[in-house]
């Protein structure tokens, strides 16, 4: 049975081990830092969205408080007859209304 005599220098072994650790550590640290930046960006985005929601809620509460303070919340569709001058119908509007096509022949 053949035997192989392998001699290994301990300094070369330690150097190869250190190189392997560095080769594995650097890409992983870059990947972790990219993910960490993405997480921070998403957290900032969420905080901004929550701030907008809180601002809208505050505006809604202020508006609701104003509406509750009003005794008559109904706004009349027609104003006072004295305030608005009566509009006269245009002379051609009556003719157009009678002469428009109806789609039935």
PDB file of N, CA and C in Angstrom:
ATOM      1  N   UNK A   1       0.833  -1.154   0.000  1.00  0.00           N
ATOM      2  CA  UNK A   1       0.000   0.000   0.000  1.00  0.00           C
ATOM      3  C   UNK A   1       0.895   1.241   0.000  1.00  0.00           C
ATOM      4  N   UNK A   2       0.635   2.164  -0.952  1.00  0.00           N
ATOM      5  CA  UNK A   2       1.502   3.351  -1.028  1.00  0.00           C
ATOM      6  C   UNK A   2       1.123   4.356   0.062  1.00  0.00           C
ATOM      7  N   UNK A   3       2.083   4.968   0.571  1.00  0.00           N
ATOM      8  CA  UNK A   3       1.864   6.015   1.576  1.00  0.00           C
ATOM      9  C   UNK A   3       2.388   7.329   1.023  1.00  0.00           C
ATOM     10  N   UNK A   4       1.672   8.376   1.352  1.00  0.00           N
ATOM     11  CA  UNK A   4       2.079   9.701   0.892  1.00  0.00           C
ATOM     12  C   UNK A   4       2.609  10.474   2.083  1.00  0.00           C
ATOM     13  N   UNK A   5       3.731  11.029   1.902  1.00  0.00           N
ATOM     14  CA  UNK A   5       4.326  11.830   2.961  1.00  0.00           C
ATOM     15  C   UNK A   5       4.035  13.293   2.648  1.00  0.00           C
ATOM     16  N   UNK A   6       3.134  13.909   3.436  1.00  0.00           N
ATOM     17  CA  UNK A   6       2.749  15.304   3.212  1.00  0.00           C
ATOM     18  C   UNK A   6       3.371  16.126   4.320  1.00  0.00           C
ATOM     19  N   UNK A   7       4.151  17.086   3.902  1.00  0.00           N
ATOM     20  CA  UNK A   7       4.721  17.995   4.887  1.00  0.00           C
ATOM     21  C   UNK A   7       3.992  19.316   4.752  1.00  0.00           C
ATOM     22  N   UNK A   8       3.579  19.875   5.857  1.00  0.00           N
ATOM     23  CA  UNK A   8       2.810  21.116   5.856  1.00  0.00           C
ATOM     24  C   UNK A   8       3.525  22.110   6.759  1.00  0.00           C
ATOM     25  N   UNK A   9       3.843  23.221   6.166  1.00  0.00           N
ATOM     26  CA  UNK A   9       4.473  24.284   6.933  1.00  0.00           C
ATOM     27  C   UNK A   9       3.378  24.983   7.734  1.00  0.00           C
ATOM     28  N   UNK A  10       3.567  25.148   9.023  1.00  0.00           N
ATOM     29  CA  UNK A  10       2.549  25.736   9.894  1.00  0.00           C
ATOM     30  C   UNK A  10       2.297  27.196   9.546  1.00  0.00           C
ATOM     31  N   UNK A  11       3.296  27.901   9.077  1.00  0.00           N
ATOM     32  CA  UNK A  11       3.137  29.315   8.717  1.00  0.00           C
ATOM     33  C   UNK A  11       2.276  29.465   7.459  1.00  0.00           C
ATOM     34  N   UNK A  12       2.452  28.584   6.516  1.00  0.00           N
ATOM     35  CA  UNK A  12       1.635  28.604   5.298  1.00  0.00           C
ATOM     36  C   UNK A  12       0.195  28.253   5.654  1.00  0.00           C
ATOM     37  N   UNK A  13       0.023  27.311   6.565  1.00  0.00           N
ATOM     38  CA  UNK A  13      -1.323  26.919   6.982  1.00  0.00           C
ATOM     39  C   UNK A  13      -2.043  28.083   7.677  1.00  0.00           C
ATOM     40  N   UNK A  14      -1.368  28.775   8.562  1.00  0.00           N
ATOM     41  CA  UNK A  14      -1.969  29.923   9.262  1.00  0.00           C
ATOM     42  C   UNK A  14      -2.271  31.045   8.280  1.00  0.00           C
ATOM     43  N   UNK A  15      -1.361  31.282   7.337  1.00  0.00           N
ATOM     44  CA  UNK A  15      -1.579  32.315   6.322  1.00  0.00           C
ATOM     45  C   UNK A  15      -2.794  31.972   5.453  1.00  0.00           C
ATOM     46  N   UNK A  16      -2.943  30.724   5.061  1.00  0.00           N
ATOM     47  CA  UNK A  16      -4.098  30.300   4.261  1.00  0.00           C
ATOM     48  C   UNK A  16      -5.382  30.421   5.072  1.00  0.00           C
ATOM     49  N   UNK A  17      -5.319  30.115   6.343  1.00  0.00           N
ATOM     50  CA  UNK A  17      -6.486  30.225   7.210  1.00  0.00           C
ATOM     51  C   UNK A  17      -6.923  31.686   7.365  1.00  0.00           C
ATOM     52  N   UNK A  18      -5.978  32.578   7.569  1.00  0.00           N
ATOM     53  CA  UNK A  18      -6.283  34.011   7.697  1.00  0.00           C
ATOM     54  C   UNK A  18      -6.849  34.553   6.386  1.00  0.00           C
ATOM     55  N   UNK A  19      -6.279  34.149   5.263  1.00  0.00           N
ATOM     56  CA  UNK A  19      -6.777  34.592   3.960  1.00  0.00           C
ATOM     57  C   UNK A  19      -8.205  34.104   3.732  1.00  0.00           C
ATOM     58  N   UNK A  20      -8.509  32.892   4.145  1.00  0.00           N
ATOM     59  CA  UNK A  20      -9.865  32.359   3.978  1.00  0.00           C
ATOM     60  C   UNK A  20     -10.862  33.109   4.857  1.00  0.00           C
ATOM     61  N   UNK A  21     -10.457  33.449   6.072  1.00  0.00           N
ATOM     62  CA  UNK A  21     -11.343  34.203   6.966  1.00  0.00           C
ATOM     63  C   UNK A  21     -11.615  35.586   6.394  1.00  0.00           C
ATOM     64  N   UNK A  22     -10.583  36.253   5.907  1.00  0.00           N
ATOM     65  CA  UNK A  22     -10.759  37.592   5.323  1.00  0.00           C
ATOM     66  C   UNK A  22     -11.603  37.508   4.058  1.00  0.00           C
ATOM     67  N   UNK A  23     -11.350  36.505   3.232  1.00  0.00           N
ATOM     68  CA  UNK A  23     -12.120  36.348   1.993  1.00  0.00           C
ATOM     69  C   UNK A  23     -13.597  36.082   2.284  1.00  0.00           C
ATOM     70  N   UNK A  24     -13.919  35.474   3.383  1.00  0.00           N
ATOM     71  CA  UNK A  24     -15.315  35.235   3.738  1.00  0.00           C
ATOM     72  C   UNK A  24     -15.938  36.399   4.483  1.00  0.00           C
ATOM     73  N   UNK A  25     -15.136  37.134   5.236  1.00  0.00           N
ATOM     74  CA  UNK A  25     -15.662  38.212   6.076  1.00  0.00           C
ATOM     75  C   UNK A  25     -16.003  39.466   5.271  1.00  0.00           C
ATOM     76  N   UNK A  26     -15.157  39.853   4.334  1.00  0.00           N
ATOM     77  CA  UNK A  26     -15.366  41.111   3.602  1.00  0.00           C
ATOM     78  C   UNK A  26     -16.664  41.135   2.791  1.00  0.00           C
ATOM     79  N   UNK A  27     -16.949  40.137   1.958  1.00  0.00           N
ATOM     80  CA  UNK A  27     -18.220  40.195   1.211  1.00  0.00           C
ATOM     81  C   UNK A  27     -19.448  40.164   2.123  1.00  0.00           C
ATOM     82  N   UNK A  28     -19.352  39.393   3.193  1.00  0.00           N
ATOM     83  CA  UNK A  28     -20.502  39.302   4.104  1.00  0.00           C
ATOM     84  C   UNK A  28     -20.718  40.621   4.834  1.00  0.00           C
ATOM     85  N   UNK A  29     -19.647  41.299   5.214  1.00  0.00           N
ATOM     86  CA  UNK A  29     -19.807  42.582   5.902  1.00  0.00           C
ATOM     87  C   UNK A  29     -20.403  43.630   4.959  1.00  0.00           C
ATOM     88  N   UNK A  30     -20.030  43.596   3.684  1.00  0.00           N
ATOM     89  CA  UNK A  30     -20.636  44.515   2.708  1.00  0.00           C
ATOM     90  C   UNK A  30     -22.127  44.222   2.551  1.00  0.00           C
ATOM     91  N   UNK A  31     -22.473  42.951   2.494  1.00  0.00           N
ATOM     92  CA  UNK A  31     -23.881  42.565   2.353  1.00  0.00           C
ATOM     93  C   UNK A  31     -24.685  43.006   3.577  1.00  0.00           C
ATOM     94  N   UNK A  32     -24.130  42.822   4.751  1.00  0.00           N
ATOM     95  CA  UNK A  32     -24.823  43.231   5.976  1.00  0.00           C
ATOM     96  C   UNK A  32     -24.986  44.742   6.026  1.00  0.00           C
ATOM     97  N   UNK A  33     -23.962  45.489   5.619  1.00  0.00           N
ATOM     98  CA  UNK A  33     -24.072  46.957   5.646  1.00  0.00           C
ATOM     99  C   UNK A  33     -25.116  47.449   4.648  1.00  0.00           C
ATOM    100  N   UNK A  34     -25.200  46.813   3.465  1.00  0.00           N
ATOM    101  CA  UNK A  34     -26.239  47.200   2.499  1.00  0.00           C
ATOM    102  C   UNK A  34     -27.634  46.940   3.063  1.00  0.00           C
ATOM    103  N   UNK A  35     -27.812  45.807   3.690  1.00  0.00           N
ATOM    104  CA  UNK A  35     -29.121  45.483   4.271  1.00  0.00           C
ATOM    105  C   UNK A  35     -29.449  46.425   5.421  1.00  0.00           C
ATOM    106  N   UNK A  36     -28.438  46.790   6.200  1.00  0.00           N
ATOM    107  CA  UNK A  36     -28.662  47.712   7.311  1.00  0.00           C
ATOM    108  C   UNK A  36     -29.086  49.091   6.792  1.00  0.00           C
ATOM    109  N   UNK A  37     -28.445  49.554   5.712  1.00  0.00           N
ATOM    110  CA  UNK A  37     -28.843  50.840   5.110  1.00  0.00           C
ATOM    111  C   UNK A  37     -30.279  50.777   4.600  1.00  0.00           C
ATOM    112  N   UNK A  38     -30.649  49.664   3.992  1.00  0.00           N
ATOM    113  CA  UNK A  38     -32.015  49.493   3.483  1.00  0.00           C
ATOM    114  C   UNK A  38     -33.020  49.498   4.636  1.00  0.00           C
ATOM    115  N   UNK A  39     -32.678  48.843   5.741  1.00  0.00           N
ATOM    116  CA  UNK A  39     -33.569  48.818   6.904  1.00  0.00           C
ATOM    117  C   UNK A  39     -33.745  50.220   7.464  1.00  0.00           C
ATOM    118  N   UNK A  40     -32.660  50.977   7.564  1.00  0.00           N
ATOM    119  CA  UNK A  40     -32.742  52.348   8.078  1.00  0.00           C
ATOM    120  C   UNK A  40     -33.599  53.207   7.160  1.00  0.00           C
ATOM    121  N   UNK A  41     -33.435  53.043   5.850  1.00  0.00           N
ATOM    122  CA  UNK A  41     -34.238  53.809   4.889  1.00  0.00           C
ATOM    123  C   UNK A  41     -35.724  53.469   5.025  1.00  0.00           C
ATOM    124  N   UNK A  42     -36.049  52.189   5.165  1.00  0.00           N
ATOM    125  CA  UNK A  42     -37.447  51.785   5.316  1.00  0.00           C
ATOM    126  C   UNK A  42     -38.030  52.278   6.636  1.00  0.00           C
ATOM    127  N   UNK A  43     -37.228  52.254   7.700  1.00  0.00           N
ATOM    128  CA  UNK A  43     -37.706  52.780   8.979  1.00  0.00           C
ATOM    129  C   UNK A  43     -37.997  54.271   8.876  1.00  0.00           C
ATOM    130  N   UNK A  44     -37.128  55.008   8.204  1.00  0.00           N
ATOM    131  CA  UNK A  44     -37.338  56.447   8.014  1.00  0.00           C
ATOM    132  C   UNK A  44     -38.622  56.697   7.215  1.00  0.00           C
ATOM    133  N   UNK A  45     -38.834  55.871   6.191  1.00  0.00           N
ATOM    134  CA  UNK A  45     -40.044  55.985   5.379  1.00  0.00           C
ATOM    135  C   UNK A  45     -41.301  55.716   6.215  1.00  0.00           C
ATOM    136  N   UNK A  46     -41.234  54.701   7.069  1.00  0.00           N
ATOM    137  CA  UNK A  46     -42.379  54.375   7.924  1.00  0.00           C
ATOM    138  C   UNK A  46     -42.662  55.494   8.927  1.00  0.00           C
ATOM    139  N   UNK A  47     -41.610  56.066   9.506  1.00  0.00           N
ATOM    140  CA  UNK A  47     -41.796  57.167  10.453  1.00  0.00           C
ATOM    141  C   UNK A  47     -42.441  58.353   9.746  1.00  0.00           C
ATOM    142  N   UNK A  48     -42.013  58.626   8.524  1.00  0.00           N
ATOM    143  CA  UNK A  48     -42.600  59.731   7.765  1.00  0.00           C
ATOM    144  C   UNK A  48     -44.077  59.449   7.461  1.00  0.00           C
ATOM    145  N   UNK A  49     -44.394  58.219   7.088  1.00  0.00           N
ATOM    146  CA  UNK A  49     -45.786  57.867   6.794  1.00  0.00           C
ATOM    147  C   UNK A  49     -46.646  57.991   8.046  1.00  0.00           C
ATOM    148  N   UNK A  50     -46.121  57.560   9.182  1.00  0.00           N
ATOM    149  CA  UNK A  50     -46.879  57.682  10.432  1.00  0.00           C
ATOM    150  C   UNK A  50     -47.052  59.144  10.821  1.00  0.00           C
ATOM    151  N   UNK A  51     -46.037  59.964  10.556  1.00  0.00           N
ATOM    152  CA  UNK A  51     -46.152  61.391  10.859  1.00  0.00           C
ATOM    153  C   UNK A  51     -47.241  62.031   9.999  1.00  0.00           C
ATOM    154  N   UNK A  52     -47.316  61.636   8.724  1.00  0.00           N
ATOM    155  CA  UNK A  52     -48.366  62.163   7.850  1.00  0.00           C
ATOM    156  C   UNK A  52     -49.741  61.730   8.346  1.00  0.00           C
ATOM    157  N   UNK A  53     -49.857  60.476   8.774  1.00  0.00           N
ATOM    158  CA  UNK A  53     -51.142  60.003   9.294  1.00  0.00           C
ATOM    159  C   UNK A  53     -51.546  60.773  10.546  1.00  0.00           C
ATOM    160  N   UNK A  54     -50.599  61.008  11.432  1.00  0.00           N
ATOM    161  CA  UNK A  54     -50.909  61.755  12.646  1.00  0.00           C
ATOM    162  C   UNK A  54     -51.300  63.195  12.328  1.00  0.00           C
ATOM    163  N   UNK A  55     -50.644  63.794  11.344  1.00  0.00           N
ATOM    164  CA  UNK A  55     -50.984  65.161  10.938  1.00  0.00           C
ATOM    165  C   UNK A  55     -52.402  65.201  10.371  1.00  0.00           C
ATOM    166  N   UNK A  56     -52.737  64.222   9.529  1.00  0.00           N
ATOM    167  CA  UNK A  56     -54.094  64.165   8.974  1.00  0.00           C
ATOM    168  C   UNK A  56     -55.128  63.930  10.065  1.00  0.00           C
ATOM    169  N   UNK A  57     -54.807  63.101  11.035  1.00  0.00           N
ATOM    170  CA  UNK A  57     -55.730  62.849  12.141  1.00  0.00           C
ATOM    171  C   UNK A  57     -55.940  64.114  12.964  1.00  0.00           C
ATOM    172  N   UNK A  58     -54.867  64.866  13.181  1.00  0.00           N
ATOM    173  CA  UNK A  58     -54.980  66.112  13.944  1.00  0.00           C
ATOM    174  C   UNK A  58     -55.858  67.113  13.192  1.00  0.00           C
ATOM    175  N   UNK A  59     -55.646  67.240  11.870  1.00  0.00           N
ATOM    176  CA  UNK A  59     -56.472  68.140  11.066  1.00  0.00           C
ATOM    177  C   UNK A  59     -57.935  67.701  11.093  1.00  0.00           C
ATOM    178  N   UNK A  60     -58.168  66.398  11.029  1.00  0.00           N
ATOM    179  CA  UNK A  60     -59.530  65.877  11.071  1.00  0.00           C
ATOM    180  C   UNK A  60     -60.190  66.215  12.403  1.00  0.00           C
ATOM    181  N   UNK A  61     -59.459  66.053  13.491  1.00  0.00           N
ATOM    182  CA  UNK A  61     -60.023  66.362  14.812  1.00  0.00           C
ATOM    183  C   UNK A  61     -60.335  67.851  14.935  1.00  0.00           C
ATOM    184  N   UNK A  62     -59.458  68.702  14.403  1.00  0.00           N
ATOM    185  CA  UNK A  62     -59.722  70.144  14.437  1.00  0.00           C
ATOM    186  C   UNK A  62     -60.962  70.480  13.615  1.00  0.00           C
ATOM    187  N   UNK A  63     -61.077  69.878  12.447  1.00  0.00           N
ATOM    188  CA  UNK A  63     -62.238  70.122  11.596  1.00  0.00           C
ATOM    189  C   UNK A  63     -63.509  69.607  12.261  1.00  0.00           C
ATOM    190  N   UNK A  64     -63.427  68.455  12.893  1.00  0.00           N
ATOM    191  CA  UNK A  64     -64.583  67.904  13.586  1.00  0.00           C
ATOM    192  C   UNK A  64     -64.995  68.801  14.753  1.00  0.00           C
ATOM    193  N   UNK A  65     -64.027  69.371  15.442  1.00  0.00           N
ATOM    194  CA  UNK A  65     -64.332  70.284  16.547  1.00  0.00           C
ATOM    195  C   UNK A  65     -65.008  71.548  16.024  1.00  0.00           C
ATOM    196  N   UNK A  66     -64.573  72.036  14.867  1.00  0.00           N
ATOM    197  CA  UNK A  66     -65.205  73.219  14.280  1.00  0.00           C
ATOM    198  C   UNK A  66     -66.650  72.925  13.897  1.00  0.00           C
ATOM    199  N   UNK A  67     -66.889  71.743  13.335  1.00  0.00           N
ATOM    200  CA  UNK A  67     -68.242  71.375  12.914  1.00  0.00           C
ATOM    201  C   UNK A  67     -69.152  71.241  14.132  1.00  0.00           C
ATOM    202  N   UNK A  68     -68.642  70.726  15.230  1.00  0.00           N
ATOM    203  CA  UNK A  68     -69.457  70.583  16.431  1.00  0.00           C
ATOM    204  C   UNK A  68     -69.788  71.940  17.044  1.00  0.00           C
ATOM    205  N   UNK A  69     -68.919  72.923  16.848  1.00  0.00           N
ATOM    206  CA  UNK A  69     -69.165  74.257  17.390  1.00  0.00           C
ATOM    207  C   UNK A  69     -70.256  74.993  16.623  1.00  0.00           C
ATOM    208  N   UNK A  70     -70.451  74.654  15.369  1.00  0.00           N
ATOM    209  CA  UNK A  70     -71.462  75.328  14.553  1.00  0.00           C
ATOM    210  C   UNK A  70     -72.839  74.837  14.993  1.00  0.00           C
ATOM    211  N   UNK A  71     -73.768  75.798  15.220  1.00  0.00           N
ATOM    212  CA  UNK A  71     -75.105  75.411  15.669  1.00  0.00           C
ATOM    213  C   UNK A  71     -75.943  74.877  14.518  1.00  0.00           C
ATOM    214  N   UNK A  72     -75.779  75.436  13.329  1.00  0.00           N
ATOM    215  CA  UNK A  72     -76.553  75.004  12.178  1.00  0.00           C
ATOM    216  C   UNK A  72     -75.572  74.565  11.088  1.00  0.00           C
ATOM    217  N   UNK A  73     -75.227  73.286  10.998  1.00  0.00           N
ATOM    218  CA  UNK A  73     -74.241  72.857  10.018  1.00  0.00           C
ATOM    219  C   UNK A  73     -74.778  72.792   8.588  1.00  0.00           C
ATOM    220  N   UNK A  74     -76.087  72.977   8.404  1.00  0.00           N
ATOM    221  CA  UNK A  74     -76.667  72.887   7.074  1.00  0.00           C
ATOM    222  C   UNK A  74     -76.494  74.226   6.369  1.00  0.00           C
ATOM    223  N   UNK A  75     -75.915  74.192   5.199  1.00  0.00           N
ATOM    224  CA  UNK A  75     -75.740  75.398   4.400  1.00  0.00           C
ATOM    225  C   UNK A  75     -76.869  75.423   3.382  1.00  0.00           C
ATOM    226  N   UNK A  76     -77.656  76.497   3.336  1.00  0.00           N
ATOM    227  CA  UNK A  76     -78.779  76.534   2.398  1.00  0.00           C
ATOM    228  C   UNK A  76     -78.282  76.589   0.962  1.00  0.00           C
ATOM    229  N   UNK A  77     -78.975  75.858   0.090  1.00  0.00           N
ATOM    230  CA  UNK A  77     -78.604  75.842  -1.323  1.00  0.00           C
ATOM    231  C   UNK A  77     -78.980  77.150  -2.000  1.00  0.00           C
ATOM    232  N   UNK A  78     -80.150  77.684  -1.664  1.00  0.00           N
ATOM    233  CA  UNK A  78     -80.605  78.936  -2.257  1.00  0.00           C
ATOM    234  C   UNK A  78     -80.409  80.045  -1.242  1.00  0.00           C
ATOM    235  N   UNK A  79     -79.784  81.094  -1.694  1.00  0.00           N
ATOM    236  CA  UNK A  79     -79.569  82.227  -0.807  1.00  0.00           C
ATOM    237  C   UNK A  79     -80.821  83.090  -0.744  1.00  0.00           C
ATOM    238  N   UNK A  80     -80.705  84.187  -0.090  1.00  0.00           N
ATOM    239  CA  UNK A  80     -81.804  85.127   0.033  1.00  0.00           C
ATOM    240  C   UNK A  80     -82.097  85.723  -1.343  1.00  0.00           C
ATOM    241  N   UNK A  81     -83.361  85.880  -1.686  1.00  0.00           N
ATOM    242  CA  UNK A  81     -83.749  86.416  -2.992  1.00  0.00           C
ATOM    243  C   UNK A  81     -83.273  87.856  -3.150  1.00  0.00           C
ATOM    244  N   UNK A  82     -83.188  88.571  -2.051  1.00  0.00           N
ATOM    245  CA  UNK A  82     -82.761  89.966  -2.133  1.00  0.00           C
ATOM    246  C   UNK A  82     -81.263  90.080  -2.402  1.00  0.00           C
ATOM    247  N   UNK A  83     -80.493  89.109  -1.979  1.00  0.00           N
ATOM    248  CA  UNK A  83     -79.045  89.165  -2.150  1.00  0.00           C
ATOM    249  C   UNK A  83     -78.634  88.907  -3.594  1.00  0.00           C
ATOM    250  N   UNK A  84     -79.283  87.967  -4.255  1.00  0.00           N
ATOM    251  CA  UNK A  84     -78.899  87.598  -5.609  1.00  0.00           C
ATOM    252  C   UNK A  84     -79.857  88.239  -6.608  1.00  0.00           C
ATOM    253  N   UNK A  85     -79.314  88.932  -7.605  1.00  0.00           N
ATOM    254  CA  UNK A  85     -80.209  89.469  -8.639  1.00  0.00           C
ATOM    255  C   UNK A  85     -80.720  88.327  -9.507  1.00  0.00           C
ATOM    256  N   UNK A  86     -81.945  88.482  -9.968  1.00  0.00           N
ATOM    257  CA  UNK A  86     -82.517  87.425 -10.805  1.00  0.00           C
ATOM    258  C   UNK A  86     -81.850  87.433 -12.165  1.00  0.00           C
ATOM    259  N   UNK A  87     -81.511  86.245 -12.610  1.00  0.00           N
ATOM    260  CA  UNK A  87     -80.885  86.124 -13.917  1.00  0.00           C
ATOM    261  C   UNK A  87     -81.972  85.968 -14.969  1.00  0.00           C
ATOM    262  N   UNK A  88     -81.774  86.663 -16.077  1.00  0.00           N
ATOM    263  CA  UNK A  88     -82.732  86.563 -17.177  1.00  0.00           C
ATOM    264  C   UNK A  88     -82.273  85.442 -18.101  1.00  0.00           C
ATOM    265  N   UNK A  89     -83.185  84.608 -18.570  1.00  0.00           N
ATOM    266  CA  UNK A  89     -82.784  83.544 -19.493  1.00  0.00           C
ATOM    267  C   UNK A  89     -82.338  84.142 -20.822  1.00  0.00           C
ATOM    268  N   UNK A  90     -81.403  83.496 -21.439  1.00  0.00           N
ATOM    269  CA  UNK A  90     -80.915  83.959 -22.730  1.00  0.00           C
ATOM    270  C   UNK A  90     -81.999  83.732 -23.781  1.00  0.00           C
ATOM    271  N   UNK A  91     -82.126  84.630 -24.728  1.00  0.00           N
ATOM    272  CA  UNK A  91     -83.216  84.501 -25.709  1.00  0.00           C
ATOM    273  C   UNK A  91     -83.082  83.259 -26.586  1.00  0.00           C
ATOM    274  N   UNK A  92     -81.862  82.833 -26.932  1.00  0.00           N
ATOM    275  CA  UNK A  92     -81.723  81.687 -27.820  1.00  0.00           C
ATOM    276  C   UNK A  92     -81.845  80.360 -27.081  1.00  0.00           C
ATOM    277  N   UNK A  93     -81.828  80.377 -25.779  1.00  0.00           N
ATOM    278  CA  UNK A  93     -81.895  79.114 -25.050  1.00  0.00           C
ATOM    279  C   UNK A  93     -83.249  78.432 -25.244  1.00  0.00           C
ATOM    280  N   UNK A  94     -84.307  79.189 -25.330  1.00  0.00           N
ATOM    281  CA  UNK A  94     -85.629  78.592 -25.526  1.00  0.00           C
ATOM    282  C   UNK A  94     -85.718  77.953 -26.908  1.00  0.00           C
ATOM    283  N   UNK A  95     -85.178  78.631 -27.918  1.00  0.00           N
ATOM    284  CA  UNK A  95     -85.209  78.083 -29.271  1.00  0.00           C
ATOM    285  C   UNK A  95     -84.380  76.817 -29.389  1.00  0.00           C
ATOM    286  N   UNK A  96     -83.225  76.774 -28.753  1.00  0.00           N
ATOM    287  CA  UNK A  96     -82.381  75.579 -28.807  1.00  0.00           C
ATOM    288  C   UNK A  96     -83.047  74.413 -28.101  1.00  0.00           C
ATOM    289  N   UNK A  97     -83.741  74.699 -27.040  1.00  0.00           N
ATOM    290  CA  UNK A  97     -84.378  73.622 -26.290  1.00  0.00           C
ATOM    291  C   UNK A  97     -85.476  72.963 -27.124  1.00  0.00           C
ATOM    292  N   UNK A  98     -86.203  73.735 -27.876  1.00  0.00           N
ATOM    293  CA  UNK A  98     -87.294  73.175 -28.680  1.00  0.00           C
ATOM    294  C   UNK A  98     -86.792  72.541 -29.970  1.00  0.00           C
ATOM    295  N   UNK A  99     -85.674  73.000 -30.509  1.00  0.00           N
ATOM    296  CA  UNK A  99     -85.212  72.526 -31.814  1.00  0.00           C
ATOM    297  C   UNK A  99     -84.077  71.508 -31.729  1.00  0.00           C
ATOM    298  N   UNK A 100     -83.775  70.995 -30.574  1.00  0.00           N
ATOM    299  CA  UNK A 100     -82.662  70.054 -30.479  1.00  0.00           C
ATOM    300  C   UNK A 100     -83.104  68.676 -30.988  1.00  0.00           C
ATOM    301  N   UNK A 101     -82.176  67.925 -31.553  1.00  0.00           N
ATOM    302  CA  UNK A 101     -82.541  66.601 -32.080  1.00  0.00           C
ATOM    303  C   UNK A 101     -82.796  65.630 -30.934  1.00  0.00           C
ATOM    304  N   UNK A 102     -83.787  64.792 -31.112  1.00  0.00           N
ATOM    305  CA  UNK A 102     -84.147  63.832 -30.069  1.00  0.00           C
ATOM    306  C   UNK A 102     -83.637  62.437 -30.387  1.00  0.00           C
ATOM    307  N   UNK A 103     -83.211  62.200 -31.592  1.00  0.00           N
ATOM    308  CA  UNK A 103     -82.706  60.885 -31.958  1.00  0.00           C
ATOM    309  C   UNK A 103     -83.789  59.952 -32.463  1.00  0.00           C
ATOM    310  N   UNK A 104     -85.016  60.410 -32.536  1.00  0.00           N
ATOM    311  CA  UNK A 104     -86.098  59.578 -33.070  1.00  0.00           C
ATOM    312  C   UNK A 104     -86.613  60.230 -34.337  1.00  0.00           C
ATOM    313  N   UNK A 105     -86.612  59.524 -35.421  1.00  0.00           N
ATOM    314  CA  UNK A 105     -87.124  60.057 -36.706  1.00  0.00           C
ATOM    315  C   UNK A 105     -88.270  59.234 -37.198  1.00  0.00           C
TER     316      UNK A 105
END
